[in-house]
Every structure is written in structure tokens, then in C-alpha cells.
Amino acid sequence: ELMEEKLRLGNFEKLFSALQDVYHSLSGDNRGLDWIGLAMSQLESV
């Protein structure tokens, strides 16, 4: 358990940066989820 915790603490910046990019890709400025939602709405209409 300590080895796993050491791995997380020692790679804090890498973890934070990667999660920030993932969130922005889905719900941030790029709003990937909005495009998927639009596709879902269009398919629902037909």
C-alpha cells in the first residue's frame, strides 16, 4: 500500500495535468460531451 501511495505522491504533477486535460476534453472548452450529446439528439429525431 505504501509503494502505491509513494507512486501517486511522487507523480503528482503528471497525474494532475493528465486529469485536467481529460476533463477539459470532455466538459471544458472543447466540450466533447456536447458534441456527443448533439449526435445523440440527432439520432433520436430520426
All heavy atoms as atom14 arrays in JSON, in Angstrom:
{
  "sequence": "ELMEEKLRLGNFEKLFSALQDVYHSLSGDNRGLDWIGLAMSQLESV",
  "atom14_mask": [
    [1, 1, 1, 1, 1, 1, 1, 1, 1, 0, 0, 0, 0, 0],
    [1, 1, 1, 1, 1, 1, 1, 1, 0, 0, 0, 0, 0, 0],
    [1, 1, 1, 1, 1, 1, 1, 1, 0, 0, 0, 0, 0, 0],
    [1, 1, 1, 1, 1, 1, 1, 1, 1, 0, 0, 0, 0, 0],
    [1, 1, 1, 1, 1, 1, 1, 1, 1, 0, 0, 0, 0, 0],
    [1, 1, 1, 1, 1, 1, 1, 1, 1, 0, 0, 0, 0, 0],
    [1, 1, 1, 1, 1, 1, 1, 1, 0, 0, 0, 0, 0, 0],
    [1, 1, 1, 1, 1, 1, 1, 1, 1, 1, 1, 0, 0, 0],
    [1, 1, 1, 1, 1, 1, 1, 1, 0, 0, 0, 0, 0, 0],
    [1, 1, 1, 1, 0, 0, 0, 0, 0, 0, 0, 0, 0, 0],
    [1, 1, 1, 1, 1, 1, 1, 1, 0, 0, 0, 0, 0, 0],
    [1, 1, 1, 1, 1, 1, 1, 1, 1, 1, 1, 0, 0, 0],
    [1, 1, 1, 1, 1, 1, 1, 1, 1, 0, 0, 0, 0, 0],
    [1, 1, 1, 1, 1, 1, 1, 1, 1, 0, 0, 0, 0, 0],
    [1, 1, 1, 1, 1, 1, 1, 1, 0, 0, 0, 0, 0, 0],
    [1, 1, 1, 1, 1, 1, 1, 1, 1, 1, 1, 0, 0, 0],
    [1, 1, 1, 1, 1, 1, 0, 0, 0, 0, 0, 0, 0, 0],
    [1, 1, 1, 1, 1, 0, 0, 0, 0, 0, 0, 0, 0, 0],
    [1, 1, 1, 1, 1, 1, 1, 1, 0, 0, 0, 0, 0, 0],
    [1, 1, 1, 1, 1, 1, 1, 1, 1, 0, 0, 0, 0, 0],
    [1, 1, 1, 1, 1, 1, 1, 1, 0, 0, 0, 0, 0, 0],
    [1, 1, 1, 1, 1, 1, 1, 0, 0, 0, 0, 0, 0, 0],
    [1, 1, 1, 1, 1, 1, 1, 1, 1, 1, 1, 1, 0, 0],
    [1, 1, 1, 1, 1, 1, 1, 1, 1, 1, 0, 0, 0, 0],
    [1, 1, 1, 1, 1, 1, 0, 0, 0, 0, 0, 0, 0, 0],
    [1, 1, 1, 1, 1, 1, 1, 1, 0, 0, 0, 0, 0, 0],
    [1, 1, 1, 1, 1, 1, 0, 0, 0, 0, 0, 0, 0, 0],
    [1, 1, 1, 1, 0, 0, 0, 0, 0, 0, 0, 0, 0, 0],
    [1, 1, 1, 1, 1, 1, 1, 1, 0, 0, 0, 0, 0, 0],
    [1, 1, 1, 1, 1, 1, 1, 1, 0, 0, 0, 0, 0, 0],
    [1, 1, 1, 1, 1, 1, 1, 1, 1, 1, 1, 0, 0, 0],
    [1, 1, 1, 1, 0, 0, 0, 0, 0, 0, 0, 0, 0, 0],
    [1, 1, 1, 1, 1, 1, 1, 1, 0, 0, 0, 0, 0, 0],
    [1, 1, 1, 1, 1, 1, 1, 1, 0, 0, 0, 0, 0, 0],
    [1, 1, 1, 1, 1, 1, 1, 1, 1, 1, 1, 1, 1, 1],
    [1, 1, 1, 1, 1, 1, 1, 1, 0, 0, 0, 0, 0, 0],
    [1, 1, 1, 1, 0, 0, 0, 0, 0, 0, 0, 0, 0, 0],
    [1, 1, 1, 1, 1, 1, 1, 1, 0, 0, 0, 0, 0, 0],
    [1, 1, 1, 1, 1, 0, 0, 0, 0, 0, 0, 0, 0, 0],
    [1, 1, 1, 1, 1, 1, 1, 1, 0, 0, 0, 0, 0, 0],
    [1, 1, 1, 1, 1, 1, 0, 0, 0, 0, 0, 0, 0, 0],
    [1, 1, 1, 1, 1, 1, 1, 1, 1, 0, 0, 0, 0, 0],
    [1, 1, 1, 1, 1, 1, 1, 1, 0, 0, 0, 0, 0, 0],
    [1, 1, 1, 1, 1, 1, 1, 1, 1, 0, 0, 0, 0, 0],
    [1, 1, 1, 1, 1, 1, 0, 0, 0, 0, 0, 0, 0, 0],
    [1, 1, 1, 1, 1, 1, 1, 0, 0, 0, 0, 0, 0, 0]
  ],
  "atom14_positions": [
    [[0.83, -1.21, 0.0], [0.0, 0.0, 0.0], [0.86, 1.25, 0.0], [0.54, 2.24, -0.68], [-0.93, -0.01, 1.21], [-1.97, -1.13, 1.15], [-2.76, -1.25, 2.44], [-2.51, -0.43, 3.37], [-3.63, -2.15, 2.55], [0.0, 0.0, 0.0], [0.0, 0.0, 0.0], [0.0, 0.0, 0.0], [0.0, 0.0, 0.0], [0.0, 0.0, 0.0]],
    [[1.97, 1.23, 0.76], [2.86, 2.39, 0.8], [3.54, 2.62, -0.54], [3.76, 3.78, -0.95], [3.91, 2.22, 1.9], [3.4, 2.35, 3.34], [4.49, 1.97, 4.33], [2.93, 3.79, 3.62], [0.0, 0.0, 0.0], [0.0, 0.0, 0.0], [0.0, 0.0, 0.0], [0.0, 0.0, 0.0], [0.0, 0.0, 0.0], [0.0, 0.0, 0.0]],
    [[3.88, 1.54, -1.25], [4.51, 1.69, -2.56], [3.55, 2.36, -3.54], [3.95, 3.22, -4.35], [4.93, 0.31, -3.09], [6.18, -0.26, -2.44], [7.66, 0.76, -2.7], [7.82, 0.73, -4.48], [0.0, 0.0, 0.0], [0.0, 0.0, 0.0], [0.0, 0.0, 0.0], [0.0, 0.0, 0.0], [0.0, 0.0, 0.0], [0.0, 0.0, 0.0]],
    [[2.26, 1.98, -3.46], [1.26, 2.61, -4.32], [1.11, 4.1, -3.99], [1.01, 4.94, -4.89], [-0.08, 1.9, -4.17], [-0.08, 0.47, -4.7], [-1.4, -0.23, -4.44], [-2.3, 0.43, -3.87], [-1.52, -1.42, -4.78], [0.0, 0.0, 0.0], [0.0, 0.0, 0.0], [0.0, 0.0, 0.0], [0.0, 0.0, 0.0], [0.0, 0.0, 0.0]],
    [[1.11, 4.4, -2.69], [0.98, 5.81, -2.29], [2.19, 6.62, -2.7], [2.07, 7.76, -3.16], [0.78, 5.89, -0.77], [0.48, 7.32, -0.3], [0.21, 7.4, 1.19], [0.26, 6.34, 1.87], [-0.05, 8.52, 1.68], [0.0, 0.0, 0.0], [0.0, 0.0, 0.0], [0.0, 0.0, 0.0], [0.0, 0.0, 0.0], [0.0, 0.0, 0.0]],
    [[3.37, 6.03, -2.58], [4.61, 6.71, -2.99], [4.56, 7.03, -4.48], [4.99, 8.11, -4.93], [5.81, 5.84, -2.67], [7.14, 6.46, -3.11], [8.3, 5.5, -2.88], [9.59, 6.09, -3.43], [10.74, 5.18, -3.29], [0.0, 0.0, 0.0], [0.0, 0.0, 0.0], [0.0, 0.0, 0.0], [0.0, 0.0, 0.0], [0.0, 0.0, 0.0]],
    [[4.04, 6.09, -5.25], [3.96, 6.29, -6.69], [3.04, 7.46, -7.01], [3.35, 8.28, -7.9], [3.43, 5.0, -7.34], [3.48, 4.93, -8.86], [4.92, 4.96, -9.36], [2.79, 3.65, -9.36], [0.0, 0.0, 0.0], [0.0, 0.0, 0.0], [0.0, 0.0, 0.0], [0.0, 0.0, 0.0], [0.0, 0.0, 0.0], [0.0, 0.0, 0.0]],
    [[1.91, 7.57, -6.31], [0.99, 8.69, -6.55], [1.59, 10.02, -6.14], [1.55, 11.01, -6.88], [-0.32, 8.47, -5.79], [-1.19, 7.35, -6.33], [-2.61, 7.43, -5.77], [-2.62, 7.39, -4.31], [-2.68, 6.27, -3.6], [-2.73, 5.09, -4.21], [-2.7, 6.31, -2.27], [0.0, 0.0, 0.0], [0.0, 0.0, 0.0], [0.0, 0.0, 0.0]],
    [[2.18, 10.05, -4.93], [2.74, 11.31, -4.42], [3.92, 11.78, -5.25], [4.11, 12.99, -5.49], [3.17, 11.13, -2.96], [2.03, 10.97, -1.95], [2.59, 10.57, -0.58], [1.21, 12.26, -1.84], [0.0, 0.0, 0.0], [0.0, 0.0, 0.0], [0.0, 0.0, 0.0], [0.0, 0.0, 0.0], [0.0, 0.0, 0.0], [0.0, 0.0, 0.0]],
    [[4.72, 10.84, -5.7], [5.91, 11.2, -6.49], [5.58, 11.64, -7.89], [6.44, 12.21, -8.58], [0.0, 0.0, 0.0], [0.0, 0.0, 0.0], [0.0, 0.0, 0.0], [0.0, 0.0, 0.0], [0.0, 0.0, 0.0], [0.0, 0.0, 0.0], [0.0, 0.0, 0.0], [0.0, 0.0, 0.0], [0.0, 0.0, 0.0], [0.0, 0.0, 0.0]],
    [[4.36, 11.37, -8.36], [3.97, 11.75, -9.72], [2.74, 12.67, -9.7], [1.89, 12.59, -10.59], [3.66, 10.49, -10.54], [4.9, 9.65, -10.8], [5.65, 9.92, -11.74], [5.11, 8.66, -9.96], [0.0, 0.0, 0.0], [0.0, 0.0, 0.0], [0.0, 0.0, 0.0], [0.0, 0.0, 0.0], [0.0, 0.0, 0.0], [0.0, 0.0, 0.0]],
    [[2.67, 13.55, -8.68], [1.51, 14.43, -8.51], [1.28, 15.31, -9.75], [0.17, 15.4, -10.27], [1.7, 15.32, -7.27], [0.67, 16.41, -7.17], [-0.6, 16.14, -6.68], [0.97, 17.72, -7.6], [-1.54, 17.15, -6.61], [0.03, 18.71, -7.52], [-1.23, 18.45, -7.01], [0.0, 0.0, 0.0], [0.0, 0.0, 0.0], [0.0, 0.0, 0.0]],
    [[2.33, 15.97, -10.22], [2.17, 16.92, -11.33], [1.68, 16.21, -12.59], [0.81, 16.71, -13.3], [3.5, 17.63, -11.62], [3.92, 18.6, -10.51], [5.19, 19.35, -10.87], [5.69, 19.16, -12.0], [5.67, 20.12, -10.03], [0.0, 0.0, 0.0], [0.0, 0.0, 0.0], [0.0, 0.0, 0.0], [0.0, 0.0, 0.0], [0.0, 0.0, 0.0]],
    [[2.24, 15.03, -12.86], [1.85, 14.28, -14.04], [0.38, 13.86, -13.95], [-0.37, 13.97, -14.93], [2.74, 13.05, -14.18], [2.5, 12.24, -15.43], [3.49, 11.08, -15.53], [3.23, 10.27, -16.79], [4.19, 9.14, -16.92], [0.0, 0.0, 0.0], [0.0, 0.0, 0.0], [0.0, 0.0, 0.0], [0.0, 0.0, 0.0], [0.0, 0.0, 0.0]],
    [[-0.04, 13.39, -12.76], [-1.42, 12.98, -12.56], [-2.39, 14.16, -12.74], [-3.39, 14.07, -13.45], [-1.6, 12.4, -11.15], [-1.32, 10.92, -10.94], [-1.34, 10.6, -9.46], [-2.37, 10.09, -11.68], [0.0, 0.0, 0.0], [0.0, 0.0, 0.0], [0.0, 0.0, 0.0], [0.0, 0.0, 0.0], [0.0, 0.0, 0.0], [0.0, 0.0, 0.0]],
    [[-2.06, 15.29, -12.08], [-2.95, 16.46, -12.12], [-3.1, 16.98, -13.54], [-4.22, 17.28, -14.0], [-2.42, 17.56, -11.21], [-3.37, 18.71, -11.03], [-4.35, 18.67, -10.03], [-3.33, 19.81, -11.89], [-5.24, 19.73, -9.89], [-4.23, 20.86, -11.74], [-5.18, 20.82, -10.73], [0.0, 0.0, 0.0], [0.0, 0.0, 0.0], [0.0, 0.0, 0.0]],
    [[-1.98, 17.08, -14.27], [-2.01, 17.61, -15.63], [-2.82, 16.71, -16.55], [-3.63, 17.19, -17.35], [-0.57, 17.74, -16.15], [-0.57, 18.16, -17.49], [0.0, 0.0, 0.0], [0.0, 0.0, 0.0], [0.0, 0.0, 0.0], [0.0, 0.0, 0.0], [0.0, 0.0, 0.0], [0.0, 0.0, 0.0], [0.0, 0.0, 0.0], [0.0, 0.0, 0.0]],
    [[-2.62, 15.41, -16.43], [-3.34, 14.48, -17.3], [-4.84, 14.52, -17.03], [-5.65, 14.55, -17.97], [-2.81, 13.06, -17.08], [0.0, 0.0, 0.0], [0.0, 0.0, 0.0], [0.0, 0.0, 0.0], [0.0, 0.0, 0.0], [0.0, 0.0, 0.0], [0.0, 0.0, 0.0], [0.0, 0.0, 0.0], [0.0, 0.0, 0.0], [0.0, 0.0, 0.0]],
    [[-5.26, 14.57, -15.76], [-6.68, 14.6, -15.42], [-7.32, 15.92, -15.85], [-8.5, 15.95, -16.23], [-6.86, 14.38, -13.91], [-6.49, 12.97, -13.41], [-6.58, 12.91, -11.89], [-7.41, 11.93, -14.03], [0.0, 0.0, 0.0], [0.0, 0.0, 0.0], [0.0, 0.0, 0.0], [0.0, 0.0, 0.0], [0.0, 0.0, 0.0], [0.0, 0.0, 0.0]],
    [[-6.53, 17.01, -15.75], [-7.03, 18.32, -16.19], [-7.34, 18.3, -17.68], [-8.41, 18.77, -18.12], [-5.97, 19.39, -15.89], [-6.41, 20.81, -16.17], [-7.17, 21.41, -15.01], [-7.62, 20.69, -14.12], [-7.33, 22.73, -15.03], [0.0, 0.0, 0.0], [0.0, 0.0, 0.0], [0.0, 0.0, 0.0], [0.0, 0.0, 0.0], [0.0, 0.0, 0.0]],
    [[-6.42, 17.69, -18.44], [-6.62, 17.62, -19.89], [-7.82, 16.74, -20.24], [-8.6, 17.06, -21.14], [-5.37, 17.06, -20.58], [-4.21, 18.05, -20.54], [-4.45, 19.24, -20.28], [-3.05, 17.61, -20.76], [0.0, 0.0, 0.0], [0.0, 0.0, 0.0], [0.0, 0.0, 0.0], [0.0, 0.0, 0.0], [0.0, 0.0, 0.0], [0.0, 0.0, 0.0]],
    [[-7.97, 15.62, -19.51], [-9.09, 14.72, -19.78], [-10.41, 15.43, -19.51], [-11.35, 15.37, -20.32], [-8.98, 13.44, -18.91], [-10.27, 12.62, -19.0], [-7.8, 12.6, -19.35], [0.0, 0.0, 0.0], [0.0, 0.0, 0.0], [0.0, 0.0, 0.0], [0.0, 0.0, 0.0], [0.0, 0.0, 0.0], [0.0, 0.0, 0.0], [0.0, 0.0, 0.0]],
    [[-10.48, 16.15, -18.39], [-11.74, 16.82, -18.04], [-12.08, 17.92, -19.05], [-13.23, 18.04, -19.46], [-11.65, 17.4, -16.64], [-12.94, 18.06, -16.2], [-14.04, 17.27, -15.82], [-13.09, 19.44, -16.19], [-15.24, 17.85, -15.45], [-14.29, 20.03, -15.82], [-15.35, 19.24, -15.45], [-16.53, 19.82, -15.09], [0.0, 0.0, 0.0], [0.0, 0.0, 0.0]],
    [[-11.07, 18.69, -19.43], [-11.32, 19.76, -20.4], [-11.75, 19.19, -21.74], [-12.56, 19.79, -22.45], [-10.07, 20.62, -20.58], [-9.86, 21.57, -19.43], [-8.66, 22.21, -19.19], [-10.7, 21.99, -18.44], [-8.77, 22.97, -18.12], [-10.01, 22.85, -17.64], [0.0, 0.0, 0.0], [0.0, 0.0, 0.0], [0.0, 0.0, 0.0], [0.0, 0.0, 0.0]],
    [[-11.2, 18.03, -22.09], [-11.57, 17.42, -23.37], [-13.03, 17.0, -23.37], [-13.71, 17.07, -24.4], [-10.7, 16.18, -23.64], [-9.36, 16.54, -23.78], [0.0, 0.0, 0.0], [0.0, 0.0, 0.0], [0.0, 0.0, 0.0], [0.0, 0.0, 0.0], [0.0, 0.0, 0.0], [0.0, 0.0, 0.0], [0.0, 0.0, 0.0], [0.0, 0.0, 0.0]],
    [[-13.51, 16.58, -22.22], [-14.88, 16.11, -22.14], [-15.87, 17.23, -21.85], [-16.95, 17.3, -22.45], [-15.0, 15.03, -21.05], [-14.28, 13.7, -21.33], [-14.35, 12.81, -20.11], [-14.9, 13.02, -22.54], [0.0, 0.0, 0.0], [0.0, 0.0, 0.0], [0.0, 0.0, 0.0], [0.0, 0.0, 0.0], [0.0, 0.0, 0.0], [0.0, 0.0, 0.0]],
    [[-15.52, 18.11, -20.86], [-16.51, 19.07, -20.38], [-16.01, 20.51, -20.37], [-16.73, 21.41, -19.96], [-16.96, 18.7, -18.95], [-17.45, 17.39, -18.93], [0.0, 0.0, 0.0], [0.0, 0.0, 0.0], [0.0, 0.0, 0.0], [0.0, 0.0, 0.0], [0.0, 0.0, 0.0], [0.0, 0.0, 0.0], [0.0, 0.0, 0.0], [0.0, 0.0, 0.0]],
    [[-14.77, 20.73, -20.79], [-14.21, 22.07, -20.74], [-14.5, 22.86, -22.0], [-15.57, 22.74, -22.6], [0.0, 0.0, 0.0], [0.0, 0.0, 0.0], [0.0, 0.0, 0.0], [0.0, 0.0, 0.0], [0.0, 0.0, 0.0], [0.0, 0.0, 0.0], [0.0, 0.0, 0.0], [0.0, 0.0, 0.0], [0.0, 0.0, 0.0], [0.0, 0.0, 0.0]],
    [[-13.45, 23.59, -22.46], [-13.63, 24.46, -23.62], [-13.94, 23.65, -24.88], [-14.71, 24.11, -25.75], [-12.37, 25.3, -23.85], [-12.13, 26.25, -22.67], [-13.12, 26.57, -21.97], [-10.95, 26.64, -22.45], [0.0, 0.0, 0.0], [0.0, 0.0, 0.0], [0.0, 0.0, 0.0], [0.0, 0.0, 0.0], [0.0, 0.0, 0.0], [0.0, 0.0, 0.0]],
    [[-13.35, 22.48, -24.98], [-13.59, 21.67, -26.19], [-14.97, 21.02, -26.19], [-15.53, 20.71, -27.23], [-12.52, 20.58, -26.32], [-11.13, 21.18, -26.52], [-10.98, 22.19, -27.21], [-10.13, 20.54, -25.92], [0.0, 0.0, 0.0], [0.0, 0.0, 0.0], [0.0, 0.0, 0.0], [0.0, 0.0, 0.0], [0.0, 0.0, 0.0], [0.0, 0.0, 0.0]],
    [[-15.49, 20.79, -24.98], [-16.84, 20.28, -24.77], [-17.17, 19.09, -25.66], [-18.1, 19.1, -26.47], [-17.88, 21.37, -24.95], [-17.63, 22.57, -24.04], [-18.83, 23.44, -23.84], [-20.0, 22.76, -23.29], [-20.17, 22.52, -22.0], [-19.26, 22.85, -21.1], [-21.28, 21.91, -21.58], [0.0, 0.0, 0.0], [0.0, 0.0, 0.0], [0.0, 0.0, 0.0]],
    [[-16.32, 18.05, -25.48], [-16.52, 16.83, -26.27], [-17.87, 16.19, -25.98], [-18.51, 15.64, -26.87], [0.0, 0.0, 0.0], [0.0, 0.0, 0.0], [0.0, 0.0, 0.0], [0.0, 0.0, 0.0], [0.0, 0.0, 0.0], [0.0, 0.0, 0.0], [0.0, 0.0, 0.0], [0.0, 0.0, 0.0], [0.0, 0.0, 0.0], [0.0, 0.0, 0.0]],
    [[-18.33, 16.29, -24.73], [-19.63, 15.69, -24.38], [-20.78, 16.4, -25.1], [-21.79, 15.77, -25.43], [-19.85, 15.76, -22.87], [-19.2, 14.63, -22.05], [-19.39, 14.89, -20.56], [-19.8, 13.28, -22.42], [0.0, 0.0, 0.0], [0.0, 0.0, 0.0], [0.0, 0.0, 0.0], [0.0, 0.0, 0.0], [0.0, 0.0, 0.0], [0.0, 0.0, 0.0]],
    [[-20.65, 17.75, -25.34], [-21.71, 18.48, -26.05], [-21.88, 17.93, -27.47], [-23.01, 17.77, -27.95], [-21.39, 19.97, -26.12], [-21.58, 20.65, -24.76], [-22.16, 19.98, -23.86], [-21.15, 21.79, -24.6], [0.0, 0.0, 0.0], [0.0, 0.0, 0.0], [0.0, 0.0, 0.0], [0.0, 0.0, 0.0], [0.0, 0.0, 0.0], [0.0, 0.0, 0.0]],
    [[-20.76, 17.67, -28.13], [-20.84, 17.13, -29.49], [-21.47, 15.73, -29.5], [-22.27, 15.41, -30.38], [-19.44, 17.07, -30.12], [-18.89, 18.43, -30.46], [-17.93, 19.13, -29.81], [-19.33, 19.24, -31.54], [-17.72, 20.35, -30.41], [-18.56, 20.45, -31.49], [-20.3, 19.11, -32.56], [-18.74, 21.48, -32.41], [-20.46, 20.14, -33.48], [-19.68, 21.31, -33.39]],
    [[-21.12, 14.92, -28.48], [-21.73, 13.59, -28.42], [-23.22, 13.72, -28.11], [-24.05, 12.98, -28.63], [-21.03, 12.73, -27.35], [-19.56, 12.5, -27.74], [-21.73, 11.38, -27.18], [-18.74, 11.81, -26.66], [0.0, 0.0, 0.0], [0.0, 0.0, 0.0], [0.0, 0.0, 0.0], [0.0, 0.0, 0.0], [0.0, 0.0, 0.0], [0.0, 0.0, 0.0]],
    [[-23.57, 14.71, -27.23], [-24.98, 14.94, -26.92], [-25.77, 15.37, -28.14], [-26.93, 14.97, -28.33], [0.0, 0.0, 0.0], [0.0, 0.0, 0.0], [0.0, 0.0, 0.0], [0.0, 0.0, 0.0], [0.0, 0.0, 0.0], [0.0, 0.0, 0.0], [0.0, 0.0, 0.0], [0.0, 0.0, 0.0], [0.0, 0.0, 0.0], [0.0, 0.0, 0.0]],
    [[-25.14, 16.22, -28.98], [-25.8, 16.66, -30.21], [-26.04, 15.46, -31.14], [-27.13, 15.33, -31.72], [-24.93, 17.71, -30.91], [-25.47, 18.23, -32.26], [-26.83, 18.92, -32.07], [-24.46, 19.22, -32.89], [0.0, 0.0, 0.0], [0.0, 0.0, 0.0], [0.0, 0.0, 0.0], [0.0, 0.0, 0.0], [0.0, 0.0, 0.0], [0.0, 0.0, 0.0]],
    [[-25.03, 14.6, -31.23], [-25.19, 13.4, -32.07], [-26.31, 12.52, -31.54], [-27.11, 11.96, -32.32], [-23.87, 12.62, -32.1], [0.0, 0.0, 0.0], [0.0, 0.0, 0.0], [0.0, 0.0, 0.0], [0.0, 0.0, 0.0], [0.0, 0.0, 0.0], [0.0, 0.0, 0.0], [0.0, 0.0, 0.0], [0.0, 0.0, 0.0], [0.0, 0.0, 0.0]],
    [[-26.41, 12.42, -30.22], [-27.47, 11.61, -29.61], [-28.84, 12.2, -29.95], [-29.79, 11.47, -30.28], [-27.26, 11.56, -28.09], [-28.31, 10.75, -27.35], [-27.99, 10.68, -25.57], [-28.22, 12.42, -25.14], [0.0, 0.0, 0.0], [0.0, 0.0, 0.0], [0.0, 0.0, 0.0], [0.0, 0.0, 0.0], [0.0, 0.0, 0.0], [0.0, 0.0, 0.0]],
    [[-28.97, 13.53, -29.89], [-30.25, 14.19, -30.18], [-30.66, 14.0, -31.64], [-31.84, 13.75, -31.94], [-30.15, 15.68, -29.86], [-29.89, 15.87, -28.49], [0.0, 0.0, 0.0], [0.0, 0.0, 0.0], [0.0, 0.0, 0.0], [0.0, 0.0, 0.0], [0.0, 0.0, 0.0], [0.0, 0.0, 0.0], [0.0, 0.0, 0.0], [0.0, 0.0, 0.0]],
    [[-29.71, 14.13, -32.53], [-29.99, 13.97, -33.96], [-30.47, 12.55, -34.27], [-31.4, 12.35, -35.05], [-28.75, 14.31, -34.79], [-28.37, 15.77, -34.75], [-29.43, 16.67, -35.39], [-30.17, 16.27, -36.3], [-29.57, 17.9, -34.88], [0.0, 0.0, 0.0], [0.0, 0.0, 0.0], [0.0, 0.0, 0.0], [0.0, 0.0, 0.0], [0.0, 0.0, 0.0]],
    [[-29.79, 11.56, -33.64], [-30.2, 10.17, -33.87], [-31.59, 9.9, -33.29], [-32.38, 9.15, -33.86], [-29.19, 9.21, -33.23], [-27.91, 8.98, -34.02], [-26.89, 8.2, -33.18], [-28.19, 8.23, -35.32], [0.0, 0.0, 0.0], [0.0, 0.0, 0.0], [0.0, 0.0, 0.0], [0.0, 0.0, 0.0], [0.0, 0.0, 0.0], [0.0, 0.0, 0.0]],
    [[-31.89, 10.58, -32.16], [-33.2, 10.39, -31.54], [-34.32, 10.91, -32.45], [-35.4, 10.34, -32.51], [-33.23, 11.09, -30.19], [-34.53, 10.86, -29.44], [-34.53, 11.55, -28.07], [-33.67, 12.45, -27.86], [-35.38, 11.21, -27.24], [0.0, 0.0, 0.0], [0.0, 0.0, 0.0], [0.0, 0.0, 0.0], [0.0, 0.0, 0.0], [0.0, 0.0, 0.0]],
    [[-34.0, 12.0, -33.19], [-35.03, 12.63, -34.03], [-35.39, 11.76, -35.23], [-36.47, 11.93, -35.82], [-34.55, 14.01, -34.51], [-33.44, 13.88, -35.39], [0.0, 0.0, 0.0], [0.0, 0.0, 0.0], [0.0, 0.0, 0.0], [0.0, 0.0, 0.0], [0.0, 0.0, 0.0], [0.0, 0.0, 0.0], [0.0, 0.0, 0.0], [0.0, 0.0, 0.0]],
    [[-34.5, 10.86, -35.63], [-34.79, 10.02, -36.81], [-34.94, 8.55, -36.43], [-35.07, 7.69, -37.31], [-33.68, 10.19, -37.87], [-33.69, 11.61, -38.44], [-32.33, 9.81, -37.31], [0.0, 0.0, 0.0], [0.0, 0.0, 0.0], [0.0, 0.0, 0.0], [0.0, 0.0, 0.0], [0.0, 0.0, 0.0], [0.0, 0.0, 0.0], [0.0, 0.0, 0.0]]
  ]
}
